[in-house]
Amino acid sequence: MATFSRTTFDAASYLAFRPSYPRWVHDKVLAYHFGRSPSSSASSQLAVDLGCGPGISTLSLLPHFSRVIGVDPSSKMVDAAVTPDTPNLPSNLIPDPADGPTGQLGQIEYRQGYSESLDFLQDGSVDLITAGQAAHWFDYPSFWREATRVVRPGGSVCLYGYPDFFLPEFPSTRSLLNKFALKDGAAPGSPKLNAVDEQPEKVDSIGAYWEQPGRSIVNAGLSPVPFPFTYPEMASHWDEGSAFKRTFSTTGLPKEHHWSSWPPPTTHPLTASLPDEVASEFTGKQESATMDKHLDWSQLASYLRTWSATHTYLSEHPNEKADVVDRFVQQLKQAVTRENGGNEVEQLHLRWPLCFVMVQKKSV
């Protein structure tokens, strides 16, 4: 997307303050692709991580594939992308060779490019395509056309992303967060958040500054992403029975705060035809499968400044004495203090819903 390609965008802050995907996310992707425990599977040849950003999710593929390519449209992201040899790499990002079947890491490379134009890849050469927090920007007919060309028979496409965070210990702040992040503060399919003004104070919003329709797609939990078999010219190549969408990581979020536009939660029946051991990864309560980060107030402000909408807002309002992030963080701090019985909180627990879109190509 355009914002992340601007020379003023801070890719280092993106890496430092954005959430990183917990191991369970990668384990579920690998279980879906391999059909069993990835550590007991034969090594695959090539995985491609689209919209890879600074490589937060790309590294996790290295124990399981002999070659991994991260692709991102932003040269700044590609330049900042991490490898296993990057100094001071956070321990949770370091891939463990023992996780894979060969006990070795594959080769990694990064390329500037687009999901809709993968000319550097040969037909039928890719075992797995992933995209973390990127698929909402794809041009779907063009992307699925390229995926149909490059994914081998039996290969997989696993897309995942996260809508806006919530504070599980302070659920009443959800409306305040929506006022800041969403245009008009409206949360589709969540009537309490639309009709009841739990925090009546004015909040300066960055909601109008998101690039669309991408932001609306990720906030809908990737539900609007079409499957490739919805296109007649590609339908014969893809296994409709393998396809599903799912929402994880909502523990602590009141049900009335769930958006009806999100994919079904894991407690709903799974319609895809998967082996039992794979289906179990995507069904049941899955209460421990959460994506979390703990930030102090300064770090929260830094995280909010990695949002593309915030970056655009600040670029268009360069002379504000207290910028929109500082103002909102102060309001949120006051709301948290109220909900915490008047006691200030030094560190916040953030949690993001995590949504999957999964499909496999037919074996023959």
Protein backbone atom coordinates (compact mmCIF):
# COMPACT_ATOMS: atom_id res chain seq x y z
CA MET A 1 0.00 0.00 0.00
CA ALA A 2 1.11 3.55 -0.69
CA THR A 3 1.71 4.75 2.87
CA PHE A 4 4.31 2.10 3.71
CA SER A 5 6.28 3.05 0.58
CA ARG A 6 6.67 6.71 1.53
CA THR A 7 10.13 7.89 2.48
CA THR A 8 8.77 9.25 5.77
CA PHE A 9 7.46 5.86 6.92
CA ASP A 10 9.41 4.35 9.83
CA ALA A 11 9.90 0.65 9.07
CA ALA A 12 12.01 0.13 12.21
CA SER A 13 9.14 1.26 14.44
CA TYR A 14 6.81 -1.03 12.52
CA LEU A 15 9.05 -3.97 13.43
CA ALA A 16 9.50 -2.84 17.04
CA PHE A 17 5.91 -2.04 18.02
CA ARG A 18 3.64 -4.12 15.81
CA PRO A 19 2.48 -7.44 17.27
CA SER A 20 4.39 -10.51 16.16
CA TYR A 21 2.48 -13.67 15.40
CA PRO A 22 2.65 -16.23 18.22
CA ARG A 23 3.84 -19.71 17.45
CA TRP A 24 0.33 -21.18 17.37
CA VAL A 25 -0.46 -19.10 14.26
CA HIS A 26 2.42 -20.60 12.31
CA ASP A 27 1.72 -24.08 13.70
CA LYS A 28 -1.84 -23.95 12.40
CA VAL A 29 -0.72 -22.76 8.98
CA LEU A 30 1.83 -25.56 8.78
CA ALA A 31 -0.61 -28.18 10.09
CA TYR A 32 -3.10 -27.16 7.42
CA HIS A 33 -0.50 -27.28 4.66
CA PHE A 34 1.28 -30.49 5.65
CA GLY A 35 -1.82 -32.26 6.96
CA ARG A 36 0.00 -33.43 10.07
CA SER A 37 2.61 -32.26 12.56
CA PRO A 38 5.04 -30.16 10.51
CA SER A 39 8.04 -31.54 12.39
CA SER A 40 7.28 -35.04 11.08
CA SER A 41 6.66 -33.99 7.47
CA ALA A 42 8.99 -34.15 4.55
CA SER A 43 10.57 -30.80 3.81
CA SER A 44 8.89 -28.74 1.10
CA GLN A 45 10.85 -26.78 -1.43
CA LEU A 46 9.46 -23.24 -1.65
CA ALA A 47 7.25 -20.98 0.46
CA VAL A 48 6.38 -17.41 -0.51
CA ASP A 49 5.29 -14.83 2.08
CA LEU A 50 3.42 -12.01 0.36
CA GLY A 51 3.24 -8.54 1.89
CA CYS A 52 5.99 -9.74 4.19
CA GLY A 53 6.80 -6.30 5.65
CA PRO A 54 9.97 -6.57 7.75
CA GLY A 55 9.79 -10.38 7.79
CA ILE A 56 8.00 -10.89 11.12
CA SER A 57 6.20 -13.98 9.83
CA THR A 58 8.61 -14.96 7.06
CA LEU A 59 11.26 -16.35 9.41
CA SER A 60 8.90 -18.95 10.89
CA LEU A 61 8.84 -20.81 7.56
CA LEU A 62 12.59 -21.42 7.38
CA PRO A 63 12.72 -24.74 9.33
CA HIS A 64 10.10 -26.27 7.04
CA PHE A 65 11.10 -25.18 3.53
CA SER A 66 14.38 -25.32 1.68
CA ARG A 67 13.74 -21.85 0.26
CA VAL A 68 11.58 -18.96 1.49
CA ILE A 69 10.93 -15.73 -0.41
CA GLY A 70 9.43 -12.66 1.25
CA VAL A 71 7.77 -10.21 -1.14
CA ASP A 72 6.68 -6.67 -0.29
CA PRO A 73 5.78 -3.64 -2.42
CA SER A 74 7.72 -1.29 -0.12
CA SER A 75 11.46 -1.01 -0.65
CA LYS A 76 11.76 0.37 2.90
CA MET A 77 10.19 -2.79 4.29
CA VAL A 78 12.45 -5.00 2.18
CA ASP A 79 15.51 -3.05 3.30
CA ALA A 80 14.48 -3.46 6.96
CA ALA A 81 13.55 -7.14 6.64
CA VAL A 82 15.15 -9.46 9.16
CA THR A 83 17.06 -12.70 8.70
CA PRO A 84 18.18 -15.29 11.28
CA ASP A 85 21.52 -13.43 11.42
CA THR A 86 20.04 -10.01 12.17
CA PRO A 87 21.72 -8.62 15.33
CA ASN A 88 19.57 -8.34 18.47
CA LEU A 89 16.68 -10.21 16.88
CA PRO A 90 13.93 -10.79 19.49
CA SER A 91 14.07 -14.36 20.74
CA ASN A 92 10.47 -15.07 19.70
CA LEU A 93 11.39 -14.36 16.06
CA ILE A 94 14.45 -16.60 15.90
CA PRO A 95 13.60 -19.78 13.92
CA ASP A 96 14.68 -23.07 15.46
CA PRO A 97 16.14 -25.58 12.97
CA ALA A 98 14.93 -28.40 15.22
CA ASP A 99 11.32 -27.48 14.46
CA GLY A 100 11.64 -28.83 10.92
CA PRO A 101 12.20 -32.31 9.51
CA THR A 102 15.79 -31.75 8.36
CA GLY A 103 17.20 -29.91 11.39
CA GLN A 104 18.33 -27.10 9.11
CA LEU A 105 17.02 -23.71 8.08
CA GLY A 106 16.15 -22.98 4.49
CA GLN A 107 17.55 -20.12 2.45
CA ILE A 108 15.77 -16.77 2.73
CA GLU A 109 15.53 -13.89 0.31
CA TYR A 110 13.43 -10.76 0.06
CA ARG A 111 12.12 -9.08 -3.07
CA GLN A 112 10.27 -5.90 -3.79
CA GLY A 113 7.15 -6.87 -5.69
CA TYR A 114 3.41 -7.37 -5.73
CA SER A 115 1.13 -10.33 -5.09
CA GLU A 116 -0.51 -9.80 -8.45
CA SER A 117 2.74 -10.03 -10.42
CA LEU A 118 5.03 -12.92 -9.49
CA ASP A 119 6.91 -13.16 -12.76
CA PHE A 120 10.07 -14.36 -11.01
CA LEU A 121 8.29 -17.61 -10.04
CA GLN A 122 7.92 -20.55 -12.40
CA ASP A 123 4.60 -22.26 -13.03
CA GLY A 124 3.75 -24.82 -10.33
CA SER A 125 6.87 -24.03 -8.29
CA VAL A 126 5.37 -22.88 -4.95
CA ASP A 127 4.35 -25.25 -2.16
CA LEU A 128 2.83 -22.63 0.17
CA ILE A 129 1.76 -19.00 -0.14
CA THR A 130 1.19 -17.05 3.06
CA ALA A 131 0.21 -13.46 3.71
CA GLY A 132 0.01 -11.97 7.20
CA GLN A 133 -1.83 -8.64 7.55
CA ALA A 134 -1.49 -8.03 3.81
CA ALA A 135 -4.27 -9.82 1.91
CA HIS A 136 -6.73 -6.97 2.43
CA TRP A 137 -4.71 -4.95 -0.10
CA PHE A 138 -4.67 -7.54 -2.88
CA ASP A 139 -6.43 -7.21 -6.20
CA TYR A 140 -8.18 -10.56 -5.83
CA PRO A 141 -8.81 -11.59 -9.45
CA SER A 142 -5.16 -10.84 -10.33
CA PHE A 143 -3.79 -12.42 -7.16
CA TRP A 144 -5.75 -15.65 -7.52
CA ARG A 145 -4.78 -15.82 -11.19
CA GLU A 146 -1.11 -15.69 -10.22
CA ALA A 147 -1.64 -18.14 -7.35
CA THR A 148 -3.33 -20.55 -9.74
CA ARG A 149 -0.28 -20.33 -11.99
CA VAL A 150 2.52 -20.64 -9.41
CA VAL A 151 1.09 -22.94 -6.70
CA ARG A 152 1.81 -26.60 -7.34
CA PRO A 153 -1.00 -29.19 -7.30
CA GLY A 154 -1.77 -29.94 -3.65
CA GLY A 155 -0.19 -26.68 -2.51
CA SER A 156 -1.81 -24.25 -0.08
CA VAL A 157 -2.68 -20.59 0.29
CA CYS A 158 -3.00 -19.37 3.90
CA LEU A 159 -4.00 -15.76 4.48
CA TYR A 160 -4.38 -14.26 7.93
CA GLY A 161 -4.83 -10.85 9.51
CA TYR A 162 -6.04 -9.00 12.55
CA PRO A 163 -8.73 -6.35 13.09
CA ASP A 164 -8.26 -3.61 15.69
CA PHE A 165 -7.04 -4.58 19.16
CA PHE A 166 -9.00 -4.58 22.39
CA LEU A 167 -8.06 -4.46 26.07
CA PRO A 168 -9.33 -7.68 27.68
CA GLU A 169 -8.93 -6.33 31.21
CA PHE A 170 -10.82 -3.12 30.37
CA PRO A 171 -13.62 -4.06 27.95
CA SER A 172 -15.55 -0.80 28.39
CA THR A 173 -12.80 1.04 26.49
CA ARG A 174 -13.84 -0.70 23.26
CA SER A 175 -16.10 2.17 22.25
CA LEU A 176 -13.34 4.71 22.85
CA LEU A 177 -10.93 2.68 20.72
CA ASN A 178 -13.52 2.51 17.94
CA LYS A 179 -14.05 6.26 18.05
CA PHE A 180 -10.35 6.79 17.45
CA ALA A 181 -9.81 4.09 14.82
CA LEU A 182 -13.06 4.01 12.84
CA LYS A 183 -14.77 6.61 10.75
CA ASP A 184 -17.77 7.86 12.78
CA GLY A 185 -16.75 5.37 15.52
CA ALA A 186 -19.07 2.81 13.97
CA ALA A 187 -18.39 -0.89 14.48
CA PRO A 188 -20.37 -2.91 11.89
CA GLY A 189 -22.48 -5.66 13.37
CA SER A 190 -21.86 -4.65 16.97
CA PRO A 191 -25.05 -2.82 18.03
CA LYS A 192 -23.92 -1.87 21.52
CA LEU A 193 -20.92 -0.08 20.11
CA ASN A 194 -22.98 1.71 17.50
CA ALA A 195 -25.96 2.82 19.56
CA VAL A 196 -24.62 3.30 23.08
CA ASP A 197 -22.14 6.07 23.76
CA GLU A 198 -20.29 4.70 26.75
CA GLN A 199 -17.62 7.44 26.53
CA PRO A 200 -19.45 10.67 25.61
CA GLU A 201 -16.31 12.81 25.34
CA LYS A 202 -15.16 13.93 21.91
CA VAL A 203 -12.41 11.84 20.36
CA ASP A 204 -10.34 13.06 17.43
CA SER A 205 -10.49 10.19 14.97
CA ILE A 206 -8.03 9.00 12.34
CA GLY A 207 -10.76 6.78 10.86
CA ALA A 208 -11.21 8.87 7.73
CA TYR A 209 -7.53 8.54 6.83
CA TRP A 210 -7.39 4.79 6.19
CA GLU A 211 -6.85 3.67 2.63
CA GLN A 212 -9.95 1.83 1.47
CA PRO A 213 -11.30 -0.70 0.83
CA GLY A 214 -8.34 -2.46 2.44
CA ARG A 215 -8.94 -1.34 6.00
CA SER A 216 -12.62 -2.27 5.86
CA ILE A 217 -11.66 -5.74 4.62
CA VAL A 218 -9.24 -6.47 7.48
CA ASN A 219 -11.64 -5.04 10.06
CA ALA A 220 -14.23 -7.46 8.69
CA GLY A 221 -11.80 -10.28 9.52
CA LEU A 222 -10.96 -10.90 5.83
CA SER A 223 -14.52 -12.17 5.30
CA PRO A 224 -14.83 -10.21 2.02
CA VAL A 225 -11.81 -12.03 0.53
CA PRO A 226 -13.19 -14.29 -2.24
CA PHE A 227 -11.98 -17.85 -2.72
CA PRO A 228 -10.42 -18.65 -6.11
CA PHE A 229 -13.12 -21.15 -7.01
CA THR A 230 -15.61 -18.25 -7.17
CA TYR A 231 -13.95 -17.30 -10.48
CA PRO A 232 -15.15 -19.65 -13.24
CA GLU A 233 -11.85 -19.67 -15.11
CA MET A 234 -9.96 -20.83 -11.98
CA ALA A 235 -12.56 -22.97 -10.22
CA SER A 236 -11.39 -26.31 -11.63
CA HIS A 237 -7.91 -25.88 -10.09
CA TRP A 238 -8.95 -25.42 -6.44
CA ASP A 239 -10.37 -27.77 -3.82
CA GLU A 240 -13.55 -26.15 -2.53
CA GLY A 241 -13.81 -28.76 0.22
CA SER A 242 -10.51 -27.59 1.70
CA ALA A 243 -11.57 -23.95 2.03
CA PHE A 244 -12.67 -22.15 5.18
CA LYS A 245 -12.45 -18.91 7.17
CA ARG A 246 -12.04 -18.76 10.94
CA THR A 247 -11.67 -16.28 13.82
CA PHE A 248 -9.39 -16.83 16.82
CA SER A 249 -8.12 -14.76 19.75
CA THR A 250 -11.33 -13.22 21.07
CA THR A 251 -10.98 -14.50 24.65
CA GLY A 252 -11.88 -11.61 26.94
CA LEU A 253 -13.94 -9.76 24.33
CA PRO A 254 -17.64 -9.67 25.27
CA LYS A 255 -19.80 -11.38 22.67
CA GLU A 256 -21.75 -8.20 22.02
CA HIS A 257 -18.46 -6.62 20.93
CA HIS A 258 -17.81 -9.25 18.26
CA TRP A 259 -18.45 -7.99 14.75
CA SER A 260 -20.96 -10.10 12.88
CA SER A 261 -18.85 -9.59 9.74
CA TRP A 262 -15.98 -11.66 11.20
CA PRO A 263 -15.59 -15.29 10.08
CA PRO A 264 -17.12 -17.95 12.36
CA PRO A 265 -15.38 -18.57 15.70
CA THR A 266 -13.75 -21.92 16.37
CA THR A 267 -16.74 -23.09 18.42
CA HIS A 268 -18.86 -23.19 15.25
CA PRO A 269 -18.90 -26.31 13.05
CA LEU A 270 -16.15 -26.50 10.45
CA THR A 271 -17.57 -27.17 7.00
CA ALA A 272 -14.25 -27.94 5.30
CA SER A 273 -13.32 -31.59 4.72
CA LEU A 274 -10.08 -31.92 6.66
CA PRO A 275 -8.33 -34.82 8.42
CA ASP A 276 -9.43 -35.02 12.04
CA GLU A 277 -6.03 -34.05 13.40
CA VAL A 278 -6.01 -30.93 11.21
CA ALA A 279 -9.64 -30.02 11.88
CA SER A 280 -8.89 -30.11 15.61
CA GLU A 281 -6.51 -27.19 15.10
CA PHE A 282 -9.43 -25.02 13.99
CA THR A 283 -12.27 -26.20 16.23
CA GLY A 284 -13.13 -26.13 19.93
CA LYS A 285 -12.75 -23.30 22.39
CA GLN A 286 -9.10 -22.53 21.56
CA GLU A 287 -9.00 -20.11 24.51
CA SER A 288 -5.21 -20.14 24.74
CA ALA A 289 -4.82 -19.25 21.06
CA THR A 290 -4.52 -15.49 21.50
CA MET A 291 -2.31 -12.80 19.97
CA ASP A 292 -1.14 -10.43 22.67
CA LYS A 293 1.37 -7.71 23.39
CA HIS A 294 2.13 -5.76 26.57
CA LEU A 295 3.00 -2.10 26.08
CA ASP A 296 3.47 0.88 28.32
CA TRP A 297 1.77 4.13 27.39
CA SER A 298 4.72 5.46 25.44
CA GLN A 299 5.02 2.21 23.50
CA LEU A 300 1.29 2.25 22.79
CA ALA A 301 1.68 5.71 21.27
CA SER A 302 4.54 4.42 19.14
CA TYR A 303 2.41 1.48 18.00
CA LEU A 304 -0.49 3.76 17.04
CA ARG A 305 1.94 5.83 14.97
CA THR A 306 2.74 2.75 12.86
CA TRP A 307 -0.86 2.80 11.60
CA SER A 308 -1.02 4.06 8.04
CA ALA A 309 -4.03 6.25 8.86
CA THR A 310 -2.16 7.90 11.72
CA HIS A 311 0.83 8.51 9.48
CA THR A 312 -1.41 10.18 6.91
CA TYR A 313 -3.22 12.26 9.55
CA LEU A 314 0.05 13.50 11.05
CA SER A 315 1.41 14.33 7.60
CA GLU A 316 -1.64 16.51 6.96
CA HIS A 317 -1.59 18.14 10.43
CA PRO A 318 2.11 18.89 10.99
CA ASN A 319 1.64 21.89 13.28
CA GLU A 320 -0.46 20.41 16.08
CA LYS A 321 1.09 21.12 19.49
CA ALA A 322 -0.22 17.84 20.93
CA ASP A 323 -0.75 15.41 18.09
CA VAL A 324 -3.77 13.18 17.64
CA VAL A 325 -2.02 10.16 19.16
CA ASP A 326 -0.98 11.99 22.32
CA ARG A 327 -4.49 13.32 22.79
CA PHE A 328 -6.08 9.90 22.36
CA VAL A 329 -3.58 8.10 24.61
CA GLN A 330 -4.35 10.59 27.36
CA GLN A 331 -8.10 9.97 26.97
CA LEU A 332 -7.58 6.21 26.98
CA LYS A 333 -5.39 6.46 30.07
CA GLN A 334 -8.14 8.34 31.90
CA ALA A 335 -10.74 5.74 30.85
CA VAL A 336 -8.55 2.85 32.00
CA THR A 337 -7.92 4.57 35.33
CA ARG A 338 -11.67 4.99 35.84
CA GLU A 339 -12.37 1.35 35.05
CA ASN A 340 -9.51 0.32 37.35
CA GLY A 341 -11.15 1.98 40.35
CA GLY A 342 -9.13 5.18 40.14
CA ASN A 343 -5.77 3.39 40.12
CA GLU A 344 -3.38 4.17 37.28
CA VAL A 345 -2.10 1.35 35.08
CA GLU A 346 1.50 1.49 33.88
CA GLN A 347 1.33 -1.29 31.29
CA LEU A 348 -1.50 -2.34 28.99
CA HIS A 349 -2.39 -5.81 27.76
CA LEU A 350 -3.43 -5.59 24.09
CA ARG A 351 -5.14 -8.47 22.27
CA TRP A 352 -5.99 -8.76 18.58
CA PRO A 353 -8.60 -11.01 16.99
CA LEU A 354 -6.88 -13.20 14.39
CA CYS A 355 -8.69 -14.39 11.26
CA PHE A 356 -7.71 -17.03 8.68
CA VAL A 357 -8.59 -17.65 5.03
CA MET A 358 -7.38 -21.11 3.90
CA VAL A 359 -7.60 -23.03 0.64
CA GLN A 360 -5.66 -25.74 -1.19
CA LYS A 361 -5.12 -26.46 -4.82
CA LYS A 362 -6.40 -29.77 -6.15
CA SER A 363 -3.78 -32.52 -6.20
CA VAL A 364 -4.39 -33.37 -9.84
